[in-house]
Amino acid sequence: MKLVIAHRSGESRVIDVAEPRGGRNFVTVRVSHSGMTLPAELDLIAQASRRTRKGDDGIPLGGYASGVVLEVGSGVKSIKEGIRVTVSGSRYVYHAGQVVVPEELVVELPKKVNHEEGAFAGMGASALNIVRAANVQIGEVVLVIGADLRGLITAQLVRASGAIPVLIDDSDFRLAKVHPLGITHTFTPDDTELVRIVDTLTDGRGADSALITRANDHKGFGAALRLLRHRGTVILGDYLGARFDADPLREKAINLRSAEGGGIEGSRWTEHDNMNCFCSLLADRKVQISPLITDRVPLERAPTIYEKAQRNRDAVIACVLTV
C-alpha cells in the first residue's frame, strides 16, 4: 500500500509498504479519506533529517482519517466489520491505504456525516478539549488565537457553546474563511478595532478567556494577555515555548492551563468521547468543515500539497487526501 512520509532528505515522499496487521483490541480500517494537519506536518518534514531513526527512510505523516472497518480483533466490542468510522492517533493513523487502530480511537460515523468531514473528527476532539478546559459559559467573550483549521473549528465550537468567539490571526485570508459560517468578529493582532470590539462586547471588562490553538504563536498570546479581564483564563492547546513575558499573567492573576491532545484518559471526556461528541455536532451542522477545505487530492499526490503550503501558507487551510 501507499504511505506518505517525511523523508530523511527533508521532503515528503509516497512510498510502498506492507499493509499493517491487526491484533487483539485493534480495528483494521480501509481508509477512504485522510485529513492533513498543517502546519504541523510541514514542521515534521523540516525536522525529519534529525528525527528519523537509524535504518528508517523517514517518519509517517498523518493522524486523522475515515474509512470502513475491514476487520476487528478479539476483544473489540463496540465496532463491527463493514461500518463507516473515523479514527485518530498519530501513533496509529497515517496517510495510507490501511491503518490498524486501538478500539478506543475508533468512532462510528453518524449517517449524516460524510467521510470528508468525518476524517477530521480527531482534530475536532482536540478543539473540544481546549474549549472544555476553559469551562466556557453562555454569553462569555472568548478569544480564539489562530485561524489554522483547528482554530477555525474551535471558533465554531465556542459559538455552539453559547459564547461569543473573537478570532485573531495574522492572515486576512484565513480569517475570511469563517465569515460564511457566521463567525463575524475576526481581527489581526494589531488591528486597533480589536480593542474597541472587545471593550464593547464586555462593557470594558475584557475577554473571559483566550484559547491558543497553534504552536509558538507569541504574537497572538501577547494580544490575548492585553485583552483578557482580571482573573481571565488562558488555555494552551499547543506548545508555546519557554520564552514569554510572564509579568502580565501575574498582574492580571491570569489562570494559565494546558489542554493538549484530544481528551484526558480516565476522565468524563476522553478522546473517544470527544470524537463522538464532535461527530454529533457535525451531524447537527453546528460545526462545518467542508467549506474550509481548500484542496482535495489523491494520496499519491500528497507531496504537491506540502510544496504548495511551503510556498504560501495561506494557500492551504485544510486538505483531504483521498485513497
C-alpha atoms as a PDB file:
ATOM      1  CA  MET A   1       0.000   0.000   0.000  1.00  0.00           C
ATOM      2  CA  LYS A   2       0.983   3.664  -0.309  1.00  0.00           C
ATOM      3  CA  LEU A   3       2.260   5.624   2.697  1.00  0.00           C
ATOM      4  CA  VAL A   4       3.201   9.311   2.941  1.00  0.00           C
ATOM      5  CA  ILE A   5       6.346  10.038   4.943  1.00  0.00           C
ATOM      6  CA  ALA A   6       8.549  12.940   5.960  1.00  0.00           C
ATOM      7  CA  HIS A   7      11.700  11.650   4.262  1.00  0.00           C
ATOM      8  CA  ARG A   8      15.099  11.957   5.932  1.00  0.00           C
ATOM      9  CA  SER A   9      16.107  14.196   2.991  1.00  0.00           C
ATOM     10  CA  GLY A  10      13.754  16.917   4.247  1.00  0.00           C
ATOM     11  CA  GLU A  11      10.962  16.391   1.740  1.00  0.00           C
ATOM     12  CA  SER A  12       7.714  14.441   1.648  1.00  0.00           C
ATOM     13  CA  ARG A  13       7.533  11.191  -0.320  1.00  0.00           C
ATOM     14  CA  VAL A  14       4.996   8.485  -1.088  1.00  0.00           C
ATOM     15  CA  ILE A  15       6.436   5.013  -0.608  1.00  0.00           C
ATOM     16  CA  ASP A  16       5.185   1.428  -0.867  1.00  0.00           C
ATOM     17  CA  VAL A  17       4.939  -0.560   2.357  1.00  0.00           C
ATOM     18  CA  ALA A  18       3.275  -3.769   3.507  1.00  0.00           C
ATOM     19  CA  GLU A  19      -0.238  -3.484   4.894  1.00  0.00           C
ATOM     20  CA  PRO A  20      -0.284  -3.402   8.718  1.00  0.00           C
ATOM     21  CA  ARG A  21      -1.548  -6.426  10.619  1.00  0.00           C
ATOM     22  CA  GLY A  22      -4.349  -6.295  13.193  1.00  0.00           C
ATOM     23  CA  GLY A  23      -4.345  -7.661  16.714  1.00  0.00           C
ATOM     24  CA  ARG A  24      -6.301  -8.071  19.901  1.00  0.00           C
ATOM     25  CA  ASN A  25      -8.318  -4.939  20.787  1.00  0.00           C
ATOM     26  CA  PHE A  26      -7.355  -3.370  17.453  1.00  0.00           C
ATOM     27  CA  VAL A  27      -9.507  -2.425  14.458  1.00  0.00           C
ATOM     28  CA  THR A  28      -8.293  -2.622  10.849  1.00  0.00           C
ATOM     29  CA  VAL A  29      -9.691   0.175   8.671  1.00  0.00           C
ATOM     30  CA  ARG A  30      -9.587   0.642   4.902  1.00  0.00           C
ATOM     31  CA  VAL A  31      -9.023   4.402   4.627  1.00  0.00           C
ATOM     32  CA  SER A  32     -11.120   6.458   2.223  1.00  0.00           C
ATOM     33  CA  HIS A  33     -10.181   9.998   3.363  1.00  0.00           C
ATOM     34  CA  SER A  34      -7.158  11.231   5.323  1.00  0.00           C
ATOM     35  CA  GLY A  35      -7.062  14.709   6.882  1.00  0.00           C
ATOM     36  CA  MET A  36      -3.863  16.728   6.714  1.00  0.00           C
ATOM     37  CA  THR A  37      -2.713  18.628   9.803  1.00  0.00           C
ATOM     38  CA  LEU A  38      -0.958  21.772   8.633  1.00  0.00           C
ATOM     39  CA  PRO A  39       1.341  23.445   9.567  1.00  0.00           C
ATOM     40  CA  ALA A  40       2.350  20.659  11.996  1.00  0.00           C
ATOM     41  CA  GLU A  41       3.181  18.213   9.190  1.00  0.00           C
ATOM     42  CA  LEU A  42       5.349  20.816   7.463  1.00  0.00           C
ATOM     43  CA  ASP A  43       7.303  21.221  10.698  1.00  0.00           C
ATOM     44  CA  LEU A  44       7.824  17.455  10.890  1.00  0.00           C
ATOM     45  CA  ILE A  45       9.086  17.349   7.289  1.00  0.00           C
ATOM     46  CA  ALA A  46      11.588  20.114   8.109  1.00  0.00           C
ATOM     47  CA  GLN A  47      12.809  18.170  11.170  1.00  0.00           C
ATOM     48  CA  ALA A  48      12.874  14.736   9.536  1.00  0.00           C
ATOM     49  CA  SER A  49      16.626  14.607   8.942  1.00  0.00           C
ATOM     50  CA  ARG A  50      17.376  14.712  12.684  1.00  0.00           C
ATOM     51  CA  ARG A  51      14.281  12.884  13.957  1.00  0.00           C
ATOM     52  CA  THR A  52      14.375   9.838  11.660  1.00  0.00           C
ATOM     53  CA  ARG A  53      15.642   6.745  13.419  1.00  0.00           C
ATOM     54  CA  LYS A  54      18.681   4.950  12.028  1.00  0.00           C
ATOM     55  CA  GLY A  55      17.678   2.492   9.324  1.00  0.00           C
ATOM     56  CA  ASP A  56      14.341   4.193   8.541  1.00  0.00           C
ATOM     57  CA  ASP A  57      13.543   6.164   5.383  1.00  0.00           C
ATOM     58  CA  GLY A  58      11.555   8.732   7.306  1.00  0.00           C
ATOM     59  CA  ILE A  59       8.603   9.391   9.604  1.00  0.00           C
ATOM     60  CA  PRO A  60       4.998   8.529   8.641  1.00  0.00           C
ATOM     61  CA  LEU A  61       2.735  11.569   8.329  1.00  0.00           C
ATOM     62  CA  GLY A  62      -0.917  11.828   9.335  1.00  0.00           C
ATOM     63  CA  GLY A  63      -3.102  11.486  12.406  1.00  0.00           C
ATOM     64  CA  TYR A  64      -6.750  11.672  11.328  1.00  0.00           C
ATOM     65  CA  ALA A  65      -8.745   9.617   8.814  1.00  0.00           C
ATOM     66  CA  SER A  66     -12.058   7.980   7.961  1.00  0.00           C
ATOM     67  CA  GLY A  67     -12.964   4.753   6.192  1.00  0.00           C
ATOM     68  CA  VAL A  68     -14.636   1.376   6.522  1.00  0.00           C
ATOM     69  CA  VAL A  69     -13.837  -1.361   9.034  1.00  0.00           C
ATOM     70  CA  LEU A  70     -12.237  -4.394   7.397  1.00  0.00           C
ATOM     71  CA  GLU A  71     -11.547  -6.497  10.473  1.00  0.00           C
ATOM     72  CA  VAL A  72     -11.916  -6.368  14.251  1.00  0.00           C
ATOM     73  CA  GLY A  73      -9.557  -8.113  16.618  1.00  0.00           C
ATOM     74  CA  SER A  74     -10.559 -10.302  19.518  1.00  0.00           C
ATOM     75  CA  GLY A  75     -11.663  -8.235  22.464  1.00  0.00           C
ATOM     76  CA  VAL A  76     -13.230  -5.486  20.335  1.00  0.00           C
ATOM     77  CA  LYS A  77     -16.828  -4.990  21.464  1.00  0.00           C
ATOM     78  CA  SER A  78     -18.173  -1.688  20.153  1.00  0.00           C
ATOM     79  CA  ILE A  79     -17.074  -1.845  16.493  1.00  0.00           C
ATOM     80  CA  LYS A  80     -18.360  -4.169  13.767  1.00  0.00           C
ATOM     81  CA  GLU A  81     -16.956  -5.044  10.358  1.00  0.00           C
ATOM     82  CA  GLY A  82     -18.301  -3.034   7.451  1.00  0.00           C
ATOM     83  CA  ILE A  83     -19.303   0.134   9.333  1.00  0.00           C
ATOM     84  CA  ARG A  84     -18.147   3.668   8.481  1.00  0.00           C
ATOM     85  CA  VAL A  85     -15.732   5.059  11.068  1.00  0.00           C
ATOM     86  CA  THR A  86     -13.414   7.897  11.932  1.00  0.00           C
ATOM     87  CA  VAL A  87     -10.028   7.176  13.517  1.00  0.00           C
ATOM     88  CA  SER A  88      -7.425   9.253  15.299  1.00  0.00           C
ATOM     89  CA  GLY A  89      -3.961   8.994  16.823  1.00  0.00           C
ATOM     90  CA  SER A  90      -0.585   9.892  15.299  1.00  0.00           C
ATOM     91  CA  ARG A  91       0.923   6.651  16.642  1.00  0.00           C
ATOM     92  CA  TYR A  92      -1.501   4.598  14.556  1.00  0.00           C
ATOM     93  CA  VAL A  93      -3.153   6.725  11.851  1.00  0.00           C
ATOM     94  CA  TYR A  94      -1.110   7.726   8.818  1.00  0.00           C
ATOM     95  CA  HIS A  95      -1.767   8.951   5.312  1.00  0.00           C
ATOM     96  CA  ALA A  96      -2.067   5.419   3.986  1.00  0.00           C
ATOM     97  CA  GLY A  97      -4.467   2.984   2.375  1.00  0.00           C
ATOM     98  CA  GLN A  98      -4.993   0.977   5.545  1.00  0.00           C
ATOM     99  CA  VAL A  99      -4.477   1.551   9.282  1.00  0.00           C
ATOM    100  CA  VAL A 100      -4.743  -0.514  12.457  1.00  0.00           C
ATOM    101  CA  VAL A 101      -6.082   1.456  15.419  1.00  0.00           C
ATOM    102  CA  PRO A 102      -6.976   0.678  19.062  1.00  0.00           C
ATOM    103  CA  GLU A 103     -10.715   0.364  19.660  1.00  0.00           C
ATOM    104  CA  GLU A 104     -10.768   3.448  21.901  1.00  0.00           C
ATOM    105  CA  LEU A 105      -9.659   5.652  18.991  1.00  0.00           C
ATOM    106  CA  VAL A 106     -12.334   4.400  16.574  1.00  0.00           C
ATOM    107  CA  VAL A 107     -15.797   6.007  16.402  1.00  0.00           C
ATOM    108  CA  GLU A 108     -18.700   5.095  14.130  1.00  0.00           C
ATOM    109  CA  LEU A 109     -19.727   7.928  11.799  1.00  0.00           C
ATOM    110  CA  PRO A 110     -23.352   9.101  12.013  1.00  0.00           C
ATOM    111  CA  LYS A 111     -25.348   8.676   8.809  1.00  0.00           C
ATOM    112  CA  LYS A 112     -25.475  12.453   8.262  1.00  0.00           C
ATOM    113  CA  VAL A 113     -21.681  12.844   8.404  1.00  0.00           C
ATOM    114  CA  ASN A 114     -19.709  12.184   5.231  1.00  0.00           C
ATOM    115  CA  HIS A 115     -16.219  10.702   5.133  1.00  0.00           C
ATOM    116  CA  GLU A 116     -14.654  14.036   4.210  1.00  0.00           C
ATOM    117  CA  GLU A 117     -15.736  15.865   7.357  1.00  0.00           C
ATOM    118  CA  GLY A 118     -15.529  12.702   9.441  1.00  0.00           C
ATOM    119  CA  ALA A 119     -11.826  12.424   8.652  1.00  0.00           C
ATOM    120  CA  PHE A 120     -11.213  15.441  10.912  1.00  0.00           C
ATOM    121  CA  ALA A 121     -13.124  14.202  13.985  1.00  0.00           C
ATOM    122  CA  GLY A 122      -9.845  13.676  15.850  1.00  0.00           C
ATOM    123  CA  MET A 123      -8.901  17.305  15.282  1.00  0.00           C
ATOM    124  CA  GLY A 124     -12.397  18.268  16.382  1.00  0.00           C
ATOM    125  CA  ALA A 125     -11.834  16.305  19.600  1.00  0.00           C
ATOM    126  CA  SER A 126      -8.668  18.308  20.207  1.00  0.00           C
ATOM    127  CA  ALA A 127     -10.562  21.576  19.704  1.00  0.00           C
ATOM    128  CA  LEU A 128     -13.323  20.373  22.035  1.00  0.00           C
ATOM    129  CA  ASN A 129     -10.734  19.550  24.689  1.00  0.00           C
ATOM    130  CA  ILE A 130      -9.468  23.147  24.524  1.00  0.00           C
ATOM    131  CA  VAL A 131     -12.973  24.600  24.870  1.00  0.00           C
ATOM    132  CA  ARG A 132     -13.828  22.286  27.771  1.00  0.00           C
ATOM    133  CA  ALA A 133     -10.613  23.217  29.604  1.00  0.00           C
ATOM    134  CA  ALA A 134     -11.708  26.866  29.556  1.00  0.00           C
ATOM    135  CA  ASN A 135     -15.099  25.962  31.055  1.00  0.00           C
ATOM    136  CA  VAL A 136     -16.734  28.277  28.518  1.00  0.00           C
ATOM    137  CA  GLN A 137     -20.066  29.693  29.718  1.00  0.00           C
ATOM    138  CA  ILE A 138     -23.068  31.032  27.798  1.00  0.00           C
ATOM    139  CA  GLY A 139     -22.624  34.721  26.981  1.00  0.00           C
ATOM    140  CA  GLU A 140     -18.884  34.881  27.633  1.00  0.00           C
ATOM    141  CA  VAL A 141     -16.453  36.504  25.197  1.00  0.00           C
ATOM    142  CA  VAL A 142     -13.745  34.075  24.155  1.00  0.00           C
ATOM    143  CA  LEU A 143     -10.595  34.929  22.191  1.00  0.00           C
ATOM    144  CA  VAL A 144      -9.552  32.189  19.759  1.00  0.00           C
ATOM    145  CA  ILE A 145      -5.916  32.648  18.805  1.00  0.00           C
ATOM    146  CA  GLY A 146      -5.005  31.144  15.436  1.00  0.00           C
ATOM    147  CA  ALA A 147      -7.059  30.641  12.258  1.00  0.00           C
ATOM    148  CA  ASP A 148      -5.451  27.436  11.095  1.00  0.00           C
ATOM    149  CA  LEU A 149      -8.012  24.642  10.752  1.00  0.00           C
ATOM    150  CA  ARG A 150      -8.085  23.783  14.464  1.00  0.00           C
ATOM    151  CA  GLY A 151      -8.660  27.432  15.343  1.00  0.00           C
ATOM    152  CA  LEU A 152     -11.458  27.725  12.782  1.00  0.00           C
ATOM    153  CA  ILE A 153     -13.096  24.643  14.292  1.00  0.00           C
ATOM    154  CA  THR A 154     -12.573  25.985  17.821  1.00  0.00           C
ATOM    155  CA  ALA A 155     -14.294  29.269  16.978  1.00  0.00           C
ATOM    156  CA  GLN A 156     -17.348  27.332  15.789  1.00  0.00           C
ATOM    157  CA  LEU A 157     -17.364  25.244  18.973  1.00  0.00           C
ATOM    158  CA  VAL A 158     -17.238  28.386  21.113  1.00  0.00           C
ATOM    159  CA  ARG A 159     -20.276  29.726  19.281  1.00  0.00           C
ATOM    160  CA  ALA A 160     -22.064  26.359  19.639  1.00  0.00           C
ATOM    161  CA  SER A 161     -21.433  26.643  23.404  1.00  0.00           C
ATOM    162  CA  GLY A 162     -23.416  29.880  23.520  1.00  0.00           C
ATOM    163  CA  ALA A 163     -20.365  32.139  23.906  1.00  0.00           C
ATOM    164  CA  ILE A 164     -19.084  34.862  21.561  1.00  0.00           C
ATOM    165  CA  PRO A 165     -15.882  33.949  19.675  1.00  0.00           C
ATOM    166  CA  VAL A 166     -13.363  36.611  18.675  1.00  0.00           C
ATOM    167  CA  LEU A 167     -10.925  35.043  16.196  1.00  0.00           C
ATOM    168  CA  ILE A 168      -7.412  36.506  15.983  1.00  0.00           C
ATOM    169  CA  ASP A 169      -4.853  35.681  13.285  1.00  0.00           C
ATOM    170  CA  ASP A 170      -2.236  37.495  11.215  1.00  0.00           C
ATOM    171  CA  SER A 171      -3.830  36.421   7.901  1.00  0.00           C
ATOM    172  CA  ASP A 172      -6.906  38.164   6.498  1.00  0.00           C
ATOM    173  CA  PHE A 173      -7.325  35.265   4.048  1.00  0.00           C
ATOM    174  CA  ARG A 174      -7.667  32.655   6.794  1.00  0.00           C
ATOM    175  CA  LEU A 175      -9.928  34.896   8.850  1.00  0.00           C
ATOM    176  CA  ALA A 176     -12.260  35.377   5.888  1.00  0.00           C
ATOM    177  CA  LYS A 177     -12.825  31.621   5.586  1.00  0.00           C
ATOM    178  CA  VAL A 178     -15.201  31.593   8.574  1.00  0.00           C
ATOM    179  CA  HIS A 179     -17.289  34.610   7.599  1.00  0.00           C
ATOM    180  CA  PRO A 180     -19.714  32.436   5.562  1.00  0.00           C
ATOM    181  CA  LEU A 181     -20.077  30.213   8.651  1.00  0.00           C
ATOM    182  CA  GLY A 182     -21.283  33.103  10.791  1.00  0.00           C
ATOM    183  CA  ILE A 183     -18.070  33.925  12.699  1.00  0.00           C
ATOM    184  CA  THR A 184     -18.046  37.697  12.278  1.00  0.00           C
ATOM    185  CA  HIS A 185     -15.601  39.007  14.894  1.00  0.00           C
ATOM    186  CA  THR A 186     -12.265  38.361  13.156  1.00  0.00           C
ATOM    187  CA  PHE A 187      -9.162  40.519  13.527  1.00  0.00           C
ATOM    188  CA  THR A 188      -5.402  40.631  13.092  1.00  0.00           C
ATOM    189  CA  PRO A 189      -3.471  41.097  16.383  1.00  0.00           C
ATOM    190  CA  ASP A 190      -2.526  44.704  15.518  1.00  0.00           C
ATOM    191  CA  ASP A 191      -5.985  45.801  14.379  1.00  0.00           C
ATOM    192  CA  THR A 192      -6.968  48.826  16.506  1.00  0.00           C
ATOM    193  CA  GLU A 193     -10.612  47.873  16.019  1.00  0.00           C
ATOM    194  CA  LEU A 194      -9.947  44.665  18.002  1.00  0.00           C
ATOM    195  CA  VAL A 195      -9.615  46.532  21.297  1.00  0.00           C
ATOM    196  CA  ARG A 196     -12.780  48.546  20.670  1.00  0.00           C
ATOM    197  CA  ILE A 197     -14.845  45.463  19.817  1.00  0.00           C
ATOM    198  CA  VAL A 198     -13.700  43.534  22.895  1.00  0.00           C
ATOM    199  CA  ASP A 199     -14.426  46.578  25.081  1.00  0.00           C
ATOM    200  CA  THR A 200     -17.889  46.896  23.527  1.00  0.00           C
ATOM    201  CA  LEU A 201     -18.716  43.205  23.887  1.00  0.00           C
ATOM    202  CA  THR A 202     -17.565  43.082  27.520  1.00  0.00           C
ATOM    203  CA  ASP A 203     -18.573  46.568  28.765  1.00  0.00           C
ATOM    204  CA  GLY A 204     -14.896  47.325  29.208  1.00  0.00           C
ATOM    205  CA  ARG A 205     -14.145  44.368  31.484  1.00  0.00           C
ATOM    206  CA  GLY A 206     -12.064  42.378  28.975  1.00  0.00           C
ATOM    207  CA  ALA A 207     -12.466  38.918  27.445  1.00  0.00           C
ATOM    208  CA  ASP A 208     -13.195  35.981  29.730  1.00  0.00           C
ATOM    209  CA  SER A 209     -10.747  33.500  28.210  1.00  0.00           C
ATOM    210  CA  ALA A 210      -8.235  33.012  25.409  1.00  0.00           C
ATOM    211  CA  LEU A 211      -7.721  29.705  23.609  1.00  0.00           C
ATOM    212  CA  ILE A 212      -4.297  29.285  21.975  1.00  0.00           C
ATOM    213  CA  THR A 213      -4.840  26.766  19.180  1.00  0.00           C
ATOM    214  CA  ARG A 214      -1.452  26.575  17.462  1.00  0.00           C
ATOM    215  CA  ALA A 215       2.181  26.261  18.434  1.00  0.00           C
ATOM    216  CA  ASN A 216       4.556  29.169  19.093  1.00  0.00           C
ATOM    217  CA  ASP A 217       2.038  31.968  18.447  1.00  0.00           C
ATOM    218  CA  HIS A 218       3.717  34.501  20.736  1.00  0.00           C
ATOM    219  CA  LYS A 219       2.183  37.489  18.972  1.00  0.00           C
ATOM    220  CA  GLY A 220      -1.321  36.116  19.426  1.00  0.00           C
ATOM    221  CA  PHE A 221      -0.510  35.195  23.033  1.00  0.00           C
ATOM    222  CA  GLY A 222       0.600  38.761  23.702  1.00  0.00           C
ATOM    223  CA  ALA A 223      -2.625  40.127  22.221  1.00  0.00           C
ATOM    224  CA  ALA A 224      -4.639  37.755  24.392  1.00  0.00           C
ATOM    225  CA  LEU A 225      -2.950  38.963  27.593  1.00  0.00           C
ATOM    226  CA  ARG A 226      -3.716  42.579  26.708  1.00  0.00           C
ATOM    227  CA  LEU A 227      -7.394  41.838  26.040  1.00  0.00           C
ATOM    228  CA  LEU A 228      -8.218  39.481  28.932  1.00  0.00           C
ATOM    229  CA  ARG A 229     -10.059  40.606  32.045  1.00  0.00           C
ATOM    230  CA  HIS A 230      -8.602  40.351  35.528  1.00  0.00           C
ATOM    231  CA  ARG A 231      -8.524  36.667  36.555  1.00  0.00           C
ATOM    232  CA  GLY A 232      -9.247  35.591  33.000  1.00  0.00           C
ATOM    233  CA  THR A 233      -8.125  32.225  31.626  1.00  0.00           C
ATOM    234  CA  VAL A 234      -5.567  31.223  29.005  1.00  0.00           C
ATOM    235  CA  ILE A 235      -5.695  27.686  27.604  1.00  0.00           C
ATOM    236  CA  LEU A 236      -2.601  26.446  25.778  1.00  0.00           C
ATOM    237  CA  GLY A 237      -3.809  23.987  23.164  1.00  0.00           C
ATOM    238  CA  ASP A 238      -0.303  23.603  21.774  1.00  0.00           C
ATOM    239  CA  TYR A 239       3.334  24.253  22.652  1.00  0.00           C
ATOM    240  CA  LEU A 240       4.062  27.944  23.265  1.00  0.00           C
ATOM    241  CA  GLY A 241       7.729  27.727  24.109  1.00  0.00           C
ATOM    242  CA  ALA A 242       9.559  28.757  27.251  1.00  0.00           C
ATOM    243  CA  ARG A 243      10.254  32.360  26.278  1.00  0.00           C
ATOM    244  CA  PHE A 244       7.388  34.733  27.038  1.00  0.00           C
ATOM    245  CA  ASP A 245       6.776  37.656  29.358  1.00  0.00           C
ATOM    246  CA  ALA A 246       5.073  36.344  32.485  1.00  0.00           C
ATOM    247  CA  ASP A 247       4.511  39.781  34.049  1.00  0.00           C
ATOM    248  CA  PRO A 248       1.033  40.299  32.505  1.00  0.00           C
ATOM    249  CA  LEU A 249      -0.002  36.884  33.845  1.00  0.00           C
ATOM    250  CA  ARG A 250       0.899  37.936  37.376  1.00  0.00           C
ATOM    251  CA  GLU A 251      -0.507  41.461  37.113  1.00  0.00           C
ATOM    252  CA  LYS A 252      -3.924  40.219  35.968  1.00  0.00           C
ATOM    253  CA  ALA A 253      -3.826  36.997  38.008  1.00  0.00           C
ATOM    254  CA  ILE A 254      -4.396  35.061  34.796  1.00  0.00           C
ATOM    255  CA  ASN A 255      -5.225  31.366  35.112  1.00  0.00           C
ATOM    256  CA  LEU A 256      -2.895  29.521  32.692  1.00  0.00           C
ATOM    257  CA  ARG A 257      -3.655  25.893  31.822  1.00  0.00           C
ATOM    258  CA  SER A 258      -2.632  23.362  29.184  1.00  0.00           C
ATOM    259  CA  ALA A 259      -5.073  21.275  27.131  1.00  0.00           C
ATOM    260  CA  GLU A 260      -3.045  19.419  24.523  1.00  0.00           C
ATOM    261  CA  GLY A 261      -4.471  16.311  22.897  1.00  0.00           C
ATOM    262  CA  GLY A 262      -7.986  15.126  22.205  1.00  0.00           C
ATOM    263  CA  GLY A 263      -9.061  14.340  25.776  1.00  0.00           C
ATOM    264  CA  ILE A 264      -7.980  13.054  29.162  1.00  0.00           C
ATOM    265  CA  GLU A 265      -7.861   9.298  29.645  1.00  0.00           C
ATOM    266  CA  GLY A 266      -9.982   8.154  32.556  1.00  0.00           C
ATOM    267  CA  SER A 267     -11.920  11.427  32.741  1.00  0.00           C
ATOM    268  CA  ARG A 268     -15.522  12.093  31.708  1.00  0.00           C
ATOM    269  CA  TRP A 269     -14.299  13.362  28.347  1.00  0.00           C
ATOM    270  CA  THR A 270     -11.726  11.025  26.852  1.00  0.00           C
ATOM    271  CA  GLU A 271     -10.566  11.403  23.264  1.00  0.00           C
ATOM    272  CA  HIS A 272     -13.133   8.783  22.221  1.00  0.00           C
ATOM    273  CA  ASP A 273     -15.906  10.726  23.993  1.00  0.00           C
ATOM    274  CA  ASN A 274     -14.862  13.990  22.356  1.00  0.00           C
ATOM    275  CA  MET A 275     -14.682  12.392  18.902  1.00  0.00           C
ATOM    276  CA  ASN A 276     -18.190  11.020  19.404  1.00  0.00           C
ATOM    277  CA  CYS A 277     -19.477  14.396  20.574  1.00  0.00           C
ATOM    278  CA  PHE A 278     -17.838  16.198  17.667  1.00  0.00           C
ATOM    279  CA  CYS A 279     -19.416  13.801  15.173  1.00  0.00           C
ATOM    280  CA  SER A 280     -22.821  14.636  16.674  1.00  0.00           C
ATOM    281  CA  LEU A 281     -22.103  18.347  16.227  1.00  0.00           C
ATOM    282  CA  LEU A 282     -21.177  17.697  12.591  1.00  0.00           C
ATOM    283  CA  ALA A 283     -24.395  15.747  12.074  1.00  0.00           C
ATOM    284  CA  ASP A 284     -26.428  18.635  13.522  1.00  0.00           C
ATOM    285  CA  ARG A 285     -24.490  21.150  11.339  1.00  0.00           C
ATOM    286  CA  LYS A 286     -23.421  23.113  14.409  1.00  0.00           C
ATOM    287  CA  VAL A 287     -19.867  22.764  13.103  1.00  0.00           C
ATOM    288  CA  GLN A 288     -18.815  22.575   9.451  1.00  0.00           C
ATOM    289  CA  ILE A 289     -15.507  21.576   7.894  1.00  0.00           C
ATOM    290  CA  SER A 290     -16.149  21.087   4.173  1.00  0.00           C
ATOM    291  CA  PRO A 291     -16.410  24.885   3.489  1.00  0.00           C
ATOM    292  CA  LEU A 292     -12.915  25.249   4.978  1.00  0.00           C
ATOM    293  CA  ILE A 293     -11.288  22.623   2.749  1.00  0.00           C
ATOM    294  CA  THR A 294      -9.065  24.217   0.123  1.00  0.00           C
ATOM    295  CA  ASP A 295      -7.682  21.052  -1.507  1.00  0.00           C
ATOM    296  CA  ARG A 296      -8.868  17.530  -2.254  1.00  0.00           C
ATOM    297  CA  VAL A 297      -6.209  15.354  -3.894  1.00  0.00           C
ATOM    298  CA  PRO A 298      -5.379  11.642  -4.263  1.00  0.00           C
ATOM    299  CA  LEU A 299      -2.973  10.312  -1.638  1.00  0.00           C
ATOM    300  CA  GLU A 300      -0.232   9.682  -4.180  1.00  0.00           C
ATOM    301  CA  ARG A 301      -0.175  13.420  -4.975  1.00  0.00           C
ATOM    302  CA  ALA A 302       0.285  14.481  -1.329  1.00  0.00           C
ATOM    303  CA  PRO A 303       3.754  15.998  -1.955  1.00  0.00           C
ATOM    304  CA  THR A 304       2.194  18.641  -4.215  1.00  0.00           C
ATOM    305  CA  ILE A 305       0.138  19.936  -1.286  1.00  0.00           C
ATOM    306  CA  TYR A 306       3.148  20.213   1.017  1.00  0.00           C
ATOM    307  CA  GLU A 307       5.011  22.076  -1.734  1.00  0.00           C
ATOM    308  CA  LYS A 308       2.048  24.408  -2.223  1.00  0.00           C
ATOM    309  CA  ALA A 309       1.799  25.103   1.515  1.00  0.00           C
ATOM    310  CA  GLN A 310       5.543  25.717   1.789  1.00  0.00           C
ATOM    311  CA  ARG A 311       5.331  28.328  -0.968  1.00  0.00           C
ATOM    312  CA  ASN A 312       2.333  30.065   0.576  1.00  0.00           C
ATOM    313  CA  ARG A 313       0.968  29.077   3.974  1.00  0.00           C
ATOM    314  CA  ASP A 314      -2.309  30.870   3.226  1.00  0.00           C
ATOM    315  CA  ALA A 315      -2.891  28.727   0.146  1.00  0.00           C
ATOM    316  CA  VAL A 316      -3.824  25.611   2.121  1.00  0.00           C
ATOM    317  CA  ILE A 317      -6.062  25.684   5.192  1.00  0.00           C
ATOM    318  CA  ALA A 318      -7.449  22.149   5.128  1.00  0.00           C
ATOM    319  CA  CYS A 319      -6.685  19.317   2.747  1.00  0.00           C
ATOM    320  CA  VAL A 320      -8.239  15.876   2.343  1.00  0.00           C
ATOM    321  CA  LEU A 321      -6.269  13.047   0.750  1.00  0.00           C
ATOM    322  CA  THR A 322      -8.495  10.522  -0.981  1.00  0.00           C
ATOM    323  CA  VAL A 323      -7.421   6.901  -1.150  1.00  0.00           C
END
